[in-house]
Amino acid sequence: MTEHRCGLVAIAGRPNVGKSTLLNRLIGQKVSITSRKPQTTRQRILGIKSEPGFQAIYVDTPGLHERGKRALNRYMNESARSALREVDVILFVVEGLRWTGQDDYVLQVIKALPAPVILVINKVDKIADKKKLLPHLDVLAQKMSFAEIIPLSARSGDNLAALEEQVRRRLPEGPPLYPEDQVTDRSERFLAAELIREKLMQSLGEELPYAATVEVSAFSREEKLLRIEAVIWVERAGQKAIVIGKGGARLKAIGREARLEMEKIFDARVFLQLLVKVKQGWSDDLKAMTGLGYQ
């Protein structure tokens, strides 16, 4: 009988090192949203890669961070930590030649775990002087006994095959846990909310704090048409005005960008209706967060 390998692989690291971009590249399509703002990923998302002989179930975790006293920050940290305790392999993602105190914090967390750790040096395509890379790798190799150290570019896919081979070799033997054509554990409804939140974060840049989230209130499919109604929740009336923009222009642009991407991913026409509402203090209220889908 042909050997089959299957296991869970956590993608961990501080915020904004390219974890979600790496997941999307590994899966070959978008299953996790991205932006240049840290802490874009708030909940665990599975990306499932099935090939002959193996199935790697990648877990995109929120960025581990020391600071942040709000309930949302605590939720993200615990979500990441619990994911790390359950996996067979850990991909510890860092950024190019940078090593920060937050990277040290993540290192201390994963050192206490039994799973083998592959150090992934992402964004090497942005390193202007490539001669600096090898000495940097030597320094990082002293920080712990990594199973492997692999420099790559998640954005371009350079050296991705080397990472996948190292992951495959470390997965335990076992049957696949998901059908071979399934690429994520998340529903279309969840992905729709995440795509709206991605466009919201990309549009607003630094104008709005992280106190914005999206709840899909209605989702129905009629042959090749999806009807979606969603609410963008913010914490103050001033934030609501920022999201809507002058004459509603910003909200319309966010909706248009989200709709176009949904149509590509869902392979259907999309009718999208967006509202903006205020729920004061939701990001520091666990009960409110649960009501908004943070499980």
Protein backbone atom coordinates (compact mmCIF):
# COMPACT_ATOMS: atom_id res chain seq x y z
CA MET A 1 0.00 0.00 0.00
CA THR A 2 1.34 3.45 -0.93
CA GLU A 3 2.37 5.59 2.04
CA HIS A 4 0.24 8.66 2.67
CA ARG A 5 1.15 11.55 4.95
CA CYS A 6 -1.21 14.05 6.54
CA GLY A 7 -0.83 16.61 9.30
CA LEU A 8 -1.32 20.12 10.64
CA VAL A 9 1.20 22.86 9.90
CA ALA A 10 1.04 26.16 11.79
CA ILE A 11 2.19 29.37 10.12
CA ALA A 12 3.34 31.54 13.04
CA GLY A 13 5.20 34.79 13.54
CA ARG A 14 4.81 38.38 14.64
CA PRO A 15 2.25 40.57 12.84
CA ASN A 16 2.89 41.66 9.24
CA VAL A 17 5.64 39.24 8.18
CA GLY A 18 3.59 37.79 5.30
CA LYS A 19 1.97 34.74 6.90
CA SER A 20 -1.32 35.05 5.00
CA THR A 21 0.48 35.72 1.71
CA LEU A 22 2.51 32.55 2.32
CA LEU A 23 -0.65 30.53 3.01
CA ASN A 24 -2.32 31.76 -0.17
CA ARG A 25 0.81 30.94 -2.19
CA LEU A 26 1.06 27.44 -0.69
CA ILE A 27 -2.61 26.67 -1.41
CA GLY A 28 -2.50 28.25 -4.87
CA GLN A 29 -5.48 30.53 -4.31
CA LYS A 30 -6.77 33.12 -1.87
CA VAL A 31 -8.09 31.69 1.38
CA SER A 32 -6.76 34.35 3.80
CA ILE A 33 -6.99 38.12 3.46
CA THR A 34 -3.91 40.35 3.36
CA SER A 35 -3.03 43.99 3.88
CA ARG A 36 0.02 46.02 4.81
CA LYS A 37 -1.45 46.66 8.25
CA PRO A 38 -0.36 44.36 11.11
CA GLN A 39 -2.90 41.99 12.69
CA THR A 40 -5.04 41.71 9.56
CA THR A 41 -5.63 38.02 10.39
CA ARG A 42 -7.82 37.77 13.51
CA GLN A 43 -9.00 34.16 13.48
CA ARG A 44 -7.46 30.81 12.65
CA ILE A 45 -7.96 29.88 9.02
CA LEU A 46 -7.15 26.48 7.51
CA GLY A 47 -5.69 26.15 4.04
CA ILE A 48 -5.68 22.60 2.72
CA LYS A 49 -3.11 21.42 0.15
CA SER A 50 -3.75 17.95 -1.25
CA GLU A 51 -1.25 16.21 -3.50
CA PRO A 52 -0.70 12.53 -4.39
CA GLY A 53 0.68 10.93 -1.23
CA PHE A 54 0.13 13.78 1.22
CA GLN A 55 -2.24 16.39 2.59
CA ALA A 56 -0.85 19.42 4.42
CA ILE A 57 -3.38 21.34 6.50
CA TYR A 58 -1.89 24.79 7.01
CA VAL A 59 -3.14 26.90 9.90
CA ASP A 60 -2.82 30.66 9.37
CA THR A 61 -2.62 32.14 12.87
CA PRO A 62 -3.04 35.73 14.05
CA GLY A 63 0.28 37.44 14.66
CA LEU A 64 1.59 36.85 18.19
CA HIS A 65 2.23 40.12 19.99
CA GLU A 66 3.09 41.17 23.54
CA ARG A 67 1.22 44.43 23.76
CA GLY A 68 -2.50 44.96 23.45
CA LYS A 69 -4.83 44.76 26.43
CA ARG A 70 -8.17 44.77 24.62
CA ALA A 71 -10.28 41.62 24.45
CA LEU A 72 -9.61 41.40 20.70
CA ASN A 73 -5.83 41.31 21.28
CA ARG A 74 -6.19 38.63 23.95
CA TYR A 75 -8.46 36.65 21.65
CA MET A 76 -5.94 36.76 18.78
CA ASN A 77 -3.03 35.73 21.00
CA GLU A 78 -4.93 32.81 22.50
CA SER A 79 -6.13 31.74 19.05
CA ALA A 80 -2.52 31.63 17.84
CA ARG A 81 -1.22 29.86 20.94
CA SER A 82 -3.91 27.17 20.88
CA ALA A 83 -3.22 26.48 17.21
CA LEU A 84 0.49 26.00 17.92
CA ARG A 85 -0.25 23.40 20.59
CA GLU A 86 -2.11 21.16 18.15
CA VAL A 87 0.19 20.93 15.12
CA ASP A 88 2.78 18.53 13.71
CA VAL A 89 5.06 21.18 12.17
CA ILE A 90 5.56 24.90 12.86
CA LEU A 91 6.62 27.41 10.20
CA PHE A 92 8.14 30.37 12.06
CA VAL A 93 8.00 33.25 9.58
CA VAL A 94 10.30 36.27 9.92
CA GLU A 95 10.95 39.19 7.58
CA GLY A 96 14.14 39.46 5.54
CA LEU A 97 17.07 40.86 7.52
CA ARG A 98 14.84 42.17 10.32
CA TRP A 99 14.73 40.63 13.79
CA THR A 100 12.72 42.46 16.44
CA GLY A 101 11.72 42.06 20.05
CA GLN A 102 8.40 40.69 18.82
CA ASP A 103 10.28 37.95 16.94
CA ASP A 104 12.04 37.09 20.21
CA TYR A 105 8.64 36.89 21.89
CA VAL A 106 7.36 34.41 19.29
CA LEU A 107 10.60 32.43 19.56
CA GLN A 108 10.12 31.97 23.31
CA VAL A 109 6.57 30.73 22.73
CA ILE A 110 7.51 28.12 20.14
CA LYS A 111 10.65 26.94 21.97
CA ALA A 112 8.39 25.38 24.59
CA LEU A 113 6.50 23.31 22.00
CA PRO A 114 7.38 19.78 20.86
CA ALA A 115 6.74 20.20 17.11
CA PRO A 116 9.72 20.67 14.77
CA VAL A 117 10.20 24.31 13.75
CA ILE A 118 11.14 25.40 10.23
CA LEU A 119 12.40 28.97 10.16
CA VAL A 120 11.07 30.75 7.06
CA ILE A 121 12.91 33.92 6.03
CA ASN A 122 10.27 35.69 3.96
CA LYS A 123 10.57 38.73 1.66
CA VAL A 124 14.12 37.92 0.54
CA ASP A 125 13.22 39.50 -2.81
CA LYS A 126 13.28 42.84 -1.00
CA ILE A 127 16.87 42.43 0.26
CA ALA A 128 18.96 44.80 -1.87
CA ASP A 129 22.35 43.38 -0.86
CA LYS A 130 22.03 39.60 -1.01
CA LYS A 131 25.52 39.21 0.49
CA LYS A 132 24.04 40.13 3.84
CA LEU A 133 21.67 37.14 3.83
CA LEU A 134 24.11 34.31 4.65
CA PRO A 135 25.65 36.03 7.71
CA HIS A 136 22.11 36.80 8.90
CA LEU A 137 21.13 33.13 8.53
CA ASP A 138 24.17 32.14 10.60
CA VAL A 139 23.05 34.46 13.39
CA LEU A 140 19.49 33.13 13.33
CA ALA A 141 20.70 29.53 13.40
CA GLN A 142 22.14 30.17 16.88
CA LYS A 143 18.76 31.15 18.35
CA MET A 144 17.41 27.59 18.55
CA SER A 145 17.76 24.19 16.93
CA PHE A 146 15.61 24.75 13.86
CA ALA A 147 14.66 21.72 11.77
CA GLU A 148 15.48 23.78 8.66
CA ILE A 149 16.07 27.40 7.69
CA ILE A 150 14.55 28.34 4.33
CA PRO A 151 14.77 31.78 2.70
CA LEU A 152 11.98 32.47 0.22
CA SER A 153 9.57 34.99 -1.23
CA ALA A 154 5.91 34.27 -0.59
CA ARG A 155 4.98 37.05 -2.99
CA SER A 156 6.84 35.57 -5.99
CA GLY A 157 6.93 31.92 -4.92
CA ASP A 158 10.74 31.70 -5.13
CA ASN A 159 12.04 28.66 -3.19
CA LEU A 160 8.52 27.61 -2.17
CA ALA A 161 9.09 24.08 -3.46
CA ALA A 162 11.97 23.62 -0.99
CA LEU A 163 9.68 24.56 1.89
CA GLU A 164 6.92 22.22 0.74
CA GLU A 165 9.37 19.32 0.50
CA GLN A 166 10.57 19.92 4.06
CA VAL A 167 6.97 20.05 5.29
CA ARG A 168 6.05 16.86 3.43
CA ARG A 169 8.96 14.95 4.98
CA ARG A 170 7.86 15.88 8.50
CA LEU A 171 4.16 15.08 8.25
CA PRO A 172 3.08 11.90 10.06
CA GLU A 173 1.69 8.94 8.15
CA GLY A 174 -2.08 8.94 7.96
CA PRO A 175 -5.10 9.21 5.66
CA PRO A 176 -6.35 12.59 4.39
CA LEU A 177 -8.65 14.45 6.77
CA TYR A 178 -10.41 16.47 4.06
CA PRO A 179 -11.66 15.77 0.51
CA GLU A 180 -8.91 16.44 -2.04
CA ASP A 181 -10.87 19.29 -3.68
CA GLN A 182 -11.46 21.20 -0.41
CA VAL A 183 -9.07 24.13 0.12
CA THR A 184 -10.34 25.65 3.39
CA ASP A 185 -12.53 24.88 6.37
CA ARG A 186 -14.22 28.27 6.18
CA SER A 187 -17.62 28.94 4.60
CA GLU A 188 -18.33 31.30 1.71
CA ARG A 189 -20.16 33.51 4.19
CA PHE A 190 -17.04 33.84 6.35
CA LEU A 191 -14.84 34.51 3.31
CA ALA A 192 -17.25 37.21 2.11
CA ALA A 193 -16.96 39.03 5.45
CA GLU A 194 -13.17 38.73 5.37
CA LEU A 195 -12.95 40.10 1.82
CA ILE A 196 -14.99 43.15 2.81
CA ARG A 197 -12.74 43.68 5.84
CA GLU A 198 -9.65 43.37 3.64
CA LYS A 199 -10.87 46.10 1.28
CA LEU A 200 -11.82 48.22 4.29
CA MET A 201 -8.30 47.97 5.74
CA GLN A 202 -6.64 48.53 2.38
CA SER A 203 -8.75 51.62 1.70
CA LEU A 204 -8.41 53.27 5.08
CA GLY A 205 -4.68 52.85 5.63
CA GLU A 206 -3.88 54.51 8.95
CA GLU A 207 -7.11 56.51 9.18
CA LEU A 208 -9.07 53.97 11.19
CA PRO A 209 -7.93 51.97 14.22
CA TYR A 210 -8.47 48.24 14.37
CA ALA A 211 -11.88 48.76 15.93
CA ALA A 212 -13.73 47.77 12.75
CA THR A 213 -15.16 44.40 11.86
CA VAL A 214 -17.64 42.95 9.36
CA GLU A 215 -20.72 40.82 9.94
CA VAL A 216 -22.60 39.21 7.04
CA SER A 217 -26.29 39.49 7.92
CA ALA A 218 -27.71 37.78 4.82
CA PHE A 219 -26.18 35.38 2.30
CA SER A 220 -28.13 33.53 -0.38
CA ARG A 221 -27.31 31.90 -3.71
CA GLU A 222 -29.67 31.89 -6.68
CA GLU A 223 -28.05 29.85 -9.45
CA LYS A 224 -25.22 32.16 -10.63
CA LEU A 225 -26.14 35.10 -8.38
CA LEU A 226 -25.05 35.69 -4.78
CA ARG A 227 -27.01 38.16 -2.67
CA ILE A 228 -24.99 39.41 0.29
CA GLU A 229 -25.88 41.95 2.94
CA ALA A 230 -23.19 42.96 5.41
CA VAL A 231 -22.65 45.39 8.26
CA ILE A 232 -19.34 47.14 8.94
CA TRP A 233 -19.22 47.66 12.69
CA VAL A 234 -17.14 50.49 14.19
CA GLU A 235 -16.91 51.85 17.73
CA ARG A 236 -17.61 55.57 17.31
CA ALA A 237 -19.73 57.84 15.14
CA GLY A 238 -16.59 59.59 13.87
CA GLN A 239 -15.26 56.28 12.59
CA LYS A 240 -18.56 55.64 10.82
CA ALA A 241 -18.17 58.94 8.95
CA ILE A 242 -14.63 57.98 7.90
CA VAL A 243 -15.78 54.62 6.49
CA ILE A 244 -18.67 56.15 4.57
CA GLY A 245 -16.58 59.00 3.16
CA LYS A 246 -17.76 62.18 1.47
CA GLY A 247 -21.07 61.54 -0.24
CA GLY A 248 -20.69 57.82 0.46
CA ALA A 249 -17.78 57.57 -1.99
CA ARG A 250 -15.47 55.53 0.20
CA LEU A 251 -18.10 52.97 1.17
CA LYS A 252 -19.07 52.58 -2.50
CA ALA A 253 -15.42 52.00 -3.47
CA ILE A 254 -14.95 49.41 -0.70
CA GLY A 255 -18.10 47.62 -1.82
CA ARG A 256 -17.07 47.66 -5.47
CA GLU A 257 -13.60 46.23 -4.76
CA ALA A 258 -15.02 43.54 -2.48
CA ARG A 259 -17.71 42.59 -4.98
CA LEU A 260 -15.26 42.23 -7.86
CA GLU A 261 -13.01 39.93 -5.84
CA MET A 262 -15.94 37.89 -4.59
CA GLU A 263 -17.08 37.33 -8.16
CA LYS A 264 -13.66 35.89 -9.03
CA ILE A 265 -13.47 33.63 -5.98
CA PHE A 266 -17.10 32.47 -5.90
CA ASP A 267 -17.48 32.26 -9.70
CA ALA A 268 -20.84 34.03 -9.61
CA ARG A 269 -22.35 37.47 -10.00
CA VAL A 270 -22.58 39.22 -6.64
CA PHE A 271 -25.13 41.72 -5.40
CA LEU A 272 -23.55 43.33 -2.31
CA GLN A 273 -25.25 45.74 0.08
CA LEU A 274 -23.14 47.40 2.81
CA LEU A 275 -24.23 49.27 5.92
CA VAL A 276 -22.07 50.94 8.58
CA LYS A 277 -23.19 50.81 12.21
CA VAL A 278 -21.76 51.73 15.60
CA LYS A 279 -21.34 49.22 18.45
CA GLN A 280 -19.43 51.07 21.13
CA GLY A 281 -16.52 49.16 22.69
CA TRP A 282 -17.12 45.90 20.80
CA SER A 283 -13.38 45.08 20.52
CA ASP A 284 -13.03 45.01 24.33
CA ASP A 285 -16.22 43.03 25.01
CA LEU A 286 -15.99 39.25 24.67
CA LYS A 287 -19.78 38.86 24.57
CA ALA A 288 -20.06 41.39 21.74
CA MET A 289 -17.18 39.72 19.89
CA THR A 290 -18.90 36.34 20.13
CA GLY A 291 -22.06 37.88 18.69
CA LEU A 292 -19.99 39.20 15.78
CA GLY A 293 -18.58 35.76 14.93
CA TYR A 294 -15.38 35.55 16.97
CA GLN A 295 -15.67 31.98 18.22
